[in-house]
Every structure is written in structure tokens, then in C-alpha cells.
Amino acid sequence: MKTRSHLPLLLFLLPLFSLATAACGSGATEAKFPTGKFADPNDRFRSYNFFEDGTWTYIAFGSIEEEGTYTVEGNKWIENGTAECPFPGTYEWAFDGSNLTFKLVGEDACEGRRITTDGSTWILAKE
């Protein structure tokens, strides 16, 4: 019985497989927008709650002051509008595991949302 070595073929195919795999994807995974309760570091009575279903609430002194829906496109968080701000606002978001920060993209005609959100940092609450 004659034995063939497959080692040369394997050594040839392995680099090709690696190149093909690298070409099919960037290798980086896209970060997922965090959900949960995020507290204002400067005012313990204010917080945001972001839910997996794309809804959010803004709490001040124990009461829901505002609520709405959002969508995420990559690193862009888009508030879809509320009763008080019936038009969308877009913000870049970043999350380091505990701090969630927002930075305005373009313009936001809703002054209240812009003041509360642009340049703000919210801390993931440990409940």
C-alpha cells in the first residue's frame, strides 16, 4: 500500500484559506449599543433607561419626564422624535463598559435634547 503525504497540499491551501477568510470580513466586530439604566454623574436624580426594543425613558426625581424611540446605525444613535421634539436627532455614541457618551452629528433643532445629550456622559448604574 502506497502512502501519500498531504502535507505539501495542506501547506499550499492553508495560506489561501486565511486570505479568503480575511477578505470576507473586516475581522472587527461592531459594538452593540448598550441598554440599561445610565445615571447622570452630576445629578443623581436624573437618568436614562435604554431598552433593547429601541425605546428609552428619561427619569428626573423619580418620574418619567420624557420617553421615545431610537434606532442605531453603527456608532450613530438616532432619537426618532418625541411629543416635545417631533423630529429626529443624530448623535455619535461611545461606550467603554461603564461610560456612555454622546456627541452631536450635524445639527439638532431640539434645544432641550441637544443640551441634555450633546457632549454628555452617562454612567451605567449597578443595580
Protein backbone atom coordinates (compact mmCIF):
# COMPACT_ATOMS: atom_id res chain seq x y z
CA MET A 1 0.00 0.00 0.00
CA LYS A 2 1.44 3.32 -1.09
CA THR A 3 1.11 6.28 1.31
CA ARG A 4 0.81 9.82 0.01
CA SER A 5 1.76 12.83 2.00
CA HIS A 6 -0.85 15.57 2.01
CA LEU A 7 1.45 17.99 3.78
CA PRO A 8 2.53 19.95 0.65
CA LEU A 9 -1.10 20.41 -0.40
CA LEU A 10 -2.08 21.48 3.12
CA LEU A 11 0.79 23.97 3.28
CA PHE A 12 -0.38 25.43 -0.03
CA LEU A 13 -4.09 25.65 0.85
CA LEU A 14 -3.79 27.00 4.40
CA PRO A 15 -2.49 30.47 3.39
CA LEU A 16 -5.13 30.68 0.64
CA PHE A 17 -7.86 29.87 3.16
CA SER A 18 -6.53 32.55 5.52
CA LEU A 19 -6.52 35.17 2.75
CA ALA A 20 -10.04 34.26 1.67
CA THR A 21 -11.33 34.47 5.24
CA ALA A 22 -9.72 37.87 5.79
CA ALA A 23 -11.17 39.20 2.54
CA CYS A 24 -14.71 38.18 3.51
CA GLY A 25 -14.81 40.22 6.71
CA SER A 26 -13.05 43.07 8.40
CA GLY A 27 -12.23 40.95 11.43
CA ALA A 28 -13.62 43.66 13.73
CA THR A 29 -16.95 43.22 15.43
CA GLU A 30 -19.31 46.16 15.56
CA ALA A 31 -20.11 47.37 19.05
CA LYS A 32 -23.70 46.96 20.20
CA PHE A 33 -25.48 49.95 21.71
CA PRO A 34 -25.73 49.33 25.46
CA THR A 35 -29.04 49.03 27.27
CA GLY A 36 -29.90 49.55 30.91
CA LYS A 37 -30.05 52.44 33.34
CA PHE A 38 -27.49 55.24 32.91
CA ALA A 39 -27.15 57.87 35.61
CA ASP A 40 -26.09 61.50 35.24
CA PRO A 41 -22.71 61.74 37.01
CA ASN A 42 -23.50 65.31 38.11
CA ASP A 43 -27.07 64.78 39.31
CA ARG A 44 -28.05 61.52 40.99
CA PHE A 45 -31.74 62.31 40.42
CA ARG A 46 -31.52 62.11 36.60
CA SER A 47 -31.08 59.01 34.45
CA TYR A 48 -31.76 57.47 31.07
CA ASN A 49 -33.09 53.95 30.58
CA PHE A 50 -32.35 52.41 27.19
CA PHE A 51 -34.26 49.24 26.34
CA GLU A 52 -33.46 46.50 23.82
CA ASP A 53 -36.73 47.11 21.97
CA GLY A 54 -35.49 50.56 20.86
CA THR A 55 -37.37 52.60 23.46
CA TRP A 56 -35.96 54.92 26.12
CA THR A 57 -37.15 56.89 29.13
CA TYR A 58 -35.65 59.94 30.79
CA ILE A 59 -36.21 59.99 34.55
CA ALA A 60 -35.90 63.05 36.79
CA PHE A 61 -36.62 62.91 40.52
CA GLY A 62 -38.31 59.52 40.18
CA SER A 63 -40.74 60.46 37.39
CA ILE A 64 -40.63 59.81 33.67
CA GLU A 65 -40.09 63.24 32.14
CA GLU A 66 -39.73 62.10 28.53
CA GLU A 67 -39.85 58.89 26.54
CA GLY A 68 -39.40 57.88 22.95
CA THR A 69 -37.83 55.52 20.46
CA TYR A 70 -34.38 55.27 18.96
CA THR A 71 -32.53 53.45 16.23
CA VAL A 72 -28.84 52.68 15.96
CA GLU A 73 -26.81 52.72 12.76
CA GLY A 74 -23.24 51.74 13.58
CA ASN A 75 -21.94 54.35 16.01
CA LYS A 76 -24.89 56.69 15.37
CA TRP A 77 -27.74 56.86 17.89
CA ILE A 78 -30.84 58.42 16.34
CA GLU A 79 -33.65 59.61 18.54
CA ASN A 80 -36.73 59.29 16.37
CA GLY A 81 -38.57 62.21 17.95
CA THR A 82 -40.90 62.73 20.88
CA ALA A 83 -44.04 64.75 21.62
CA GLU A 84 -41.81 67.66 22.63
CA CYS A 85 -39.27 67.18 19.81
CA PRO A 86 -41.18 65.69 16.87
CA PHE A 87 -38.12 65.36 14.63
CA PRO A 88 -35.05 63.13 14.84
CA GLY A 89 -31.65 63.99 16.27
CA THR A 90 -28.44 62.08 15.50
CA TYR A 91 -25.55 61.58 17.91
CA GLU A 92 -22.35 59.54 17.79
CA TRP A 93 -22.14 57.25 20.78
CA ALA A 94 -19.27 55.51 22.52
CA PHE A 95 -19.35 53.05 25.41
CA ASP A 96 -16.31 51.91 27.38
CA GLY A 97 -18.11 49.37 29.57
CA SER A 98 -19.36 51.90 32.11
CA ASN A 99 -19.45 55.37 30.49
CA LEU A 100 -21.84 56.14 27.62
CA THR A 101 -21.02 59.36 25.78
CA PHE A 102 -22.84 61.25 23.04
CA LYS A 103 -21.66 63.82 20.50
CA LEU A 104 -23.97 65.68 18.14
CA VAL A 105 -23.75 64.86 14.43
CA GLY A 106 -24.78 67.83 12.32
CA GLU A 107 -27.47 69.98 13.91
CA ASP A 108 -30.33 69.27 16.30
CA ALA A 109 -33.18 71.77 16.27
CA CYS A 110 -34.45 70.43 19.59
CA GLU A 111 -32.69 72.61 22.14
CA GLY A 112 -33.65 70.51 25.17
CA ARG A 113 -32.35 67.29 23.64
CA ARG A 114 -29.19 68.99 22.40
CA ILE A 115 -28.44 70.47 25.84
CA THR A 116 -29.11 67.17 27.62
CA THR A 117 -27.33 64.91 25.13
CA ASP A 118 -24.52 66.67 23.21
CA GLY A 119 -21.18 66.14 24.94
CA SER A 120 -22.81 64.29 27.82
CA THR A 121 -21.56 61.22 29.65
CA TRP A 122 -23.89 58.81 31.44
CA ILE A 123 -22.69 56.11 33.81
CA LEU A 124 -24.08 52.58 33.73
CA ALA A 125 -25.90 52.07 37.03
CA LYS A 126 -25.04 48.96 39.00
CA GLU A 127 -28.38 47.75 40.30
